């Protein structure tokens, strides 16, 4: 995982991070806690989703090796 600094957060109502699980590639989703504007040590900025894993640890979704995409669940 790249070292980043969170610059700003904003709500992400209805959004989920979708992941792939196991050898069969079964997909599962996790509700986003928020969107975050993050900045790398080189100054590059991007908006990423932040969710929690089953243990309750907050993580930056696309930094997980099994992250696939974001989805809006209406």
N, C-alpha and C. Protein backbone atom coordinates (compact mmCIF):
# COMPACT_ATOMS: atom_id res chain seq x y z
N UNK A 1 0.84 -1.18 0.00
CA UNK A 1 0.00 0.00 0.00
C UNK A 1 0.88 1.24 0.00
N UNK A 2 0.47 2.19 -0.78
CA UNK A 2 1.18 3.47 -0.88
C UNK A 2 0.87 4.33 0.35
N UNK A 3 1.86 5.11 0.78
CA UNK A 3 1.63 6.05 1.87
C UNK A 3 0.87 7.25 1.34
N UNK A 4 -0.28 7.53 1.93
CA UNK A 4 -1.08 8.68 1.52
C UNK A 4 -1.54 9.43 2.76
N UNK A 5 -1.93 10.65 2.53
CA UNK A 5 -2.48 11.50 3.59
C UNK A 5 -3.90 11.86 3.16
N UNK A 6 -4.85 11.74 4.08
CA UNK A 6 -6.23 12.12 3.79
C UNK A 6 -6.36 13.62 3.91
N UNK A 7 -6.78 14.26 2.82
CA UNK A 7 -6.93 15.71 2.77
C UNK A 7 -8.34 16.12 3.19
N UNK A 8 -9.33 15.35 2.72
CA UNK A 8 -10.72 15.68 3.01
C UNK A 8 -11.56 14.42 2.89
N UNK A 9 -12.64 14.33 3.66
CA UNK A 9 -13.59 13.23 3.51
C UNK A 9 -14.98 13.79 3.25
N UNK A 10 -15.83 12.98 2.61
CA UNK A 10 -17.21 13.37 2.34
C UNK A 10 -18.09 12.13 2.41
N UNK A 11 -19.36 12.27 2.72
CA UNK A 11 -20.24 11.11 2.84
C UNK A 11 -20.35 10.34 1.53
N UNK A 12 -20.68 9.05 1.65
CA UNK A 12 -20.84 8.19 0.47
C UNK A 12 -22.11 7.36 0.61
N UNK A 13 -23.26 8.01 0.82
CA UNK A 13 -24.49 7.25 1.04
C UNK A 13 -24.85 6.40 -0.19
N UNK A 14 -25.13 5.12 0.07
CA UNK A 14 -25.55 4.22 -1.00
C UNK A 14 -24.43 3.56 -1.79
N UNK A 15 -23.18 3.96 -1.59
CA UNK A 15 -22.07 3.40 -2.36
C UNK A 15 -21.44 2.22 -1.63
N UNK A 16 -20.98 1.25 -2.42
CA UNK A 16 -20.31 0.06 -1.90
C UNK A 16 -19.03 -0.19 -2.68
N UNK A 17 -18.09 -0.82 -2.02
CA UNK A 17 -16.89 -1.35 -2.69
C UNK A 17 -17.16 -2.82 -2.97
N UNK A 18 -16.84 -3.26 -4.18
CA UNK A 18 -17.06 -4.65 -4.56
C UNK A 18 -15.71 -5.35 -4.64
N UNK A 19 -15.65 -6.54 -4.04
CA UNK A 19 -14.41 -7.32 -3.98
C UNK A 19 -14.64 -8.71 -4.56
N UNK A 20 -13.56 -9.39 -4.89
CA UNK A 20 -13.61 -10.77 -5.35
C UNK A 20 -13.03 -11.66 -4.26
N UNK A 21 -13.73 -12.76 -3.99
CA UNK A 21 -13.32 -13.65 -2.91
C UNK A 21 -13.07 -15.07 -3.43
N UNK A 22 -11.96 -15.64 -3.04
CA UNK A 22 -11.67 -17.04 -3.33
C UNK A 22 -11.30 -17.33 -4.77
N UNK A 23 -11.04 -18.60 -5.02
CA UNK A 23 -10.61 -19.06 -6.35
C UNK A 23 -11.72 -18.99 -7.38
N UNK A 24 -12.95 -19.10 -6.94
CA UNK A 24 -14.08 -19.05 -7.87
C UNK A 24 -14.46 -17.63 -8.26
N UNK A 25 -13.90 -16.66 -7.59
CA UNK A 25 -14.17 -15.27 -7.94
C UNK A 25 -15.52 -14.76 -7.52
N UNK A 26 -16.06 -15.31 -6.44
CA UNK A 26 -17.35 -14.85 -5.93
C UNK A 26 -17.22 -13.40 -5.48
N UNK A 27 -18.15 -12.57 -5.90
CA UNK A 27 -18.11 -11.16 -5.54
C UNK A 27 -18.90 -10.90 -4.26
N UNK A 28 -18.41 -9.95 -3.46
CA UNK A 28 -19.15 -9.48 -2.30
C UNK A 28 -18.93 -7.98 -2.18
N UNK A 29 -19.82 -7.31 -1.48
CA UNK A 29 -19.70 -5.85 -1.36
C UNK A 29 -19.64 -5.43 0.10
N UNK A 30 -19.09 -4.24 0.29
CA UNK A 30 -18.96 -3.65 1.61
C UNK A 30 -19.36 -2.18 1.50
N UNK A 31 -20.30 -1.71 2.32
CA UNK A 31 -20.71 -0.30 2.24
C UNK A 31 -19.55 0.64 2.52
N UNK A 32 -19.49 1.72 1.76
CA UNK A 32 -18.45 2.72 2.01
C UNK A 32 -18.81 3.53 3.25
N UNK A 33 -17.79 3.85 4.01
CA UNK A 33 -17.92 4.75 5.15
C UNK A 33 -17.93 6.18 4.63
N UNK A 34 -17.06 6.45 3.65
CA UNK A 34 -16.96 7.79 3.08
C UNK A 34 -16.11 7.75 1.82
N UNK A 35 -16.11 8.85 1.09
CA UNK A 35 -15.15 9.11 0.02
C UNK A 35 -14.04 9.95 0.65
N UNK A 36 -12.82 9.78 0.17
CA UNK A 36 -11.71 10.56 0.71
C UNK A 36 -10.84 11.09 -0.42
N UNK A 37 -10.46 12.34 -0.31
CA UNK A 37 -9.45 12.91 -1.18
C UNK A 37 -8.12 12.63 -0.51
N UNK A 38 -7.28 11.83 -1.17
CA UNK A 38 -5.99 11.48 -0.59
C UNK A 38 -4.86 12.05 -1.44
N UNK A 39 -3.74 12.28 -0.80
CA UNK A 39 -2.57 12.84 -1.48
C UNK A 39 -1.36 11.95 -1.19
N UNK A 40 -0.67 11.54 -2.25
CA UNK A 40 0.53 10.72 -2.09
C UNK A 40 1.72 11.60 -1.72
N UNK A 41 2.82 10.96 -1.36
CA UNK A 41 4.03 11.72 -1.00
C UNK A 41 4.58 12.51 -2.19
N UNK A 42 4.21 12.10 -3.42
CA UNK A 42 4.65 12.83 -4.61
C UNK A 42 3.73 14.00 -4.95
N UNK A 43 2.62 14.15 -4.19
CA UNK A 43 1.69 15.26 -4.41
C UNK A 43 0.51 14.91 -5.28
N UNK A 44 0.46 13.70 -5.81
CA UNK A 44 -0.67 13.28 -6.64
C UNK A 44 -1.90 13.08 -5.77
N UNK A 45 -3.05 13.58 -6.24
CA UNK A 45 -4.29 13.45 -5.49
C UNK A 45 -5.29 12.59 -6.24
N UNK A 46 -6.09 11.87 -5.48
CA UNK A 46 -7.18 11.08 -6.06
C UNK A 46 -8.28 10.90 -5.03
N UNK A 47 -9.48 10.62 -5.52
CA UNK A 47 -10.61 10.35 -4.64
C UNK A 47 -10.77 8.83 -4.57
N UNK A 48 -10.86 8.30 -3.35
CA UNK A 48 -10.99 6.87 -3.13
C UNK A 48 -12.11 6.61 -2.13
N UNK A 49 -12.66 5.41 -2.19
CA UNK A 49 -13.66 5.00 -1.22
C UNK A 49 -12.98 4.38 -0.01
N UNK A 50 -13.59 4.57 1.15
CA UNK A 50 -13.10 3.95 2.37
C UNK A 50 -14.23 3.12 2.96
N UNK A 51 -13.91 1.85 3.25
CA UNK A 51 -14.90 0.96 3.84
C UNK A 51 -14.28 0.25 5.04
N UNK A 52 -15.02 -0.69 5.62
CA UNK A 52 -14.48 -1.47 6.74
C UNK A 52 -14.43 -2.93 6.35
N UNK A 53 -13.45 -3.64 6.88
CA UNK A 53 -13.38 -5.08 6.64
C UNK A 53 -14.24 -5.79 7.69
N UNK A 54 -14.40 -7.11 7.59
CA UNK A 54 -15.26 -7.81 8.55
C UNK A 54 -14.85 -7.65 10.02
N UNK A 55 -13.59 -7.31 10.27
CA UNK A 55 -13.13 -7.11 11.65
C UNK A 55 -13.39 -5.69 12.14
N UNK A 56 -13.89 -4.81 11.24
CA UNK A 56 -14.17 -3.43 11.61
C UNK A 56 -13.03 -2.47 11.37
N UNK A 57 -11.97 -2.94 10.71
CA UNK A 57 -10.84 -2.07 10.39
C UNK A 57 -11.16 -1.22 9.18
N UNK A 58 -10.93 0.09 9.28
CA UNK A 58 -11.17 1.00 8.17
C UNK A 58 -10.02 0.86 7.18
N UNK A 59 -10.36 0.75 5.87
CA UNK A 59 -9.33 0.59 4.85
C UNK A 59 -9.70 1.35 3.58
N UNK A 60 -8.69 1.72 2.83
CA UNK A 60 -8.88 2.38 1.54
C UNK A 60 -9.15 1.27 0.53
N UNK A 61 -10.35 1.26 0.00
CA UNK A 61 -10.84 0.15 -0.83
C UNK A 61 -9.91 -0.27 -1.96
N UNK A 62 -9.50 0.64 -2.86
CA UNK A 62 -8.71 0.19 -4.00
C UNK A 62 -7.29 -0.28 -3.65
N UNK A 63 -6.88 -0.12 -2.40
CA UNK A 63 -5.56 -0.59 -1.99
C UNK A 63 -5.58 -2.07 -1.59
N UNK A 64 -6.77 -2.66 -1.56
CA UNK A 64 -6.89 -4.10 -1.29
C UNK A 64 -6.66 -4.85 -2.59
N UNK A 65 -5.96 -5.97 -2.52
CA UNK A 65 -5.62 -6.68 -3.76
C UNK A 65 -6.81 -7.36 -4.41
N UNK A 66 -7.94 -7.48 -3.73
CA UNK A 66 -9.11 -8.12 -4.34
C UNK A 66 -10.23 -7.13 -4.68
N UNK A 67 -9.93 -5.83 -4.66
CA UNK A 67 -10.90 -4.78 -5.01
C UNK A 67 -11.19 -4.84 -6.51
N UNK A 68 -12.48 -4.70 -6.88
CA UNK A 68 -12.86 -4.71 -8.29
C UNK A 68 -13.39 -3.34 -8.74
N UNK A 69 -14.39 -2.83 -8.01
CA UNK A 69 -15.06 -1.60 -8.46
C UNK A 69 -15.93 -1.02 -7.34
N UNK A 70 -16.50 0.14 -7.62
CA UNK A 70 -17.50 0.75 -6.76
C UNK A 70 -18.86 0.56 -7.41
N UNK A 71 -19.91 0.47 -6.59
CA UNK A 71 -21.28 0.39 -7.10
C UNK A 71 -22.17 1.27 -6.25
N UNK A 72 -23.15 1.88 -6.92
CA UNK A 72 -24.16 2.66 -6.23
C UNK A 72 -25.37 1.76 -6.02
N UNK A 73 -25.74 1.58 -4.79
CA UNK A 73 -26.91 0.74 -4.44
C UNK A 73 -28.05 1.67 -4.06
N UNK A 74 -29.00 1.80 -4.93
CA UNK A 74 -30.12 2.71 -4.67
C UNK A 74 -31.21 2.07 -3.86
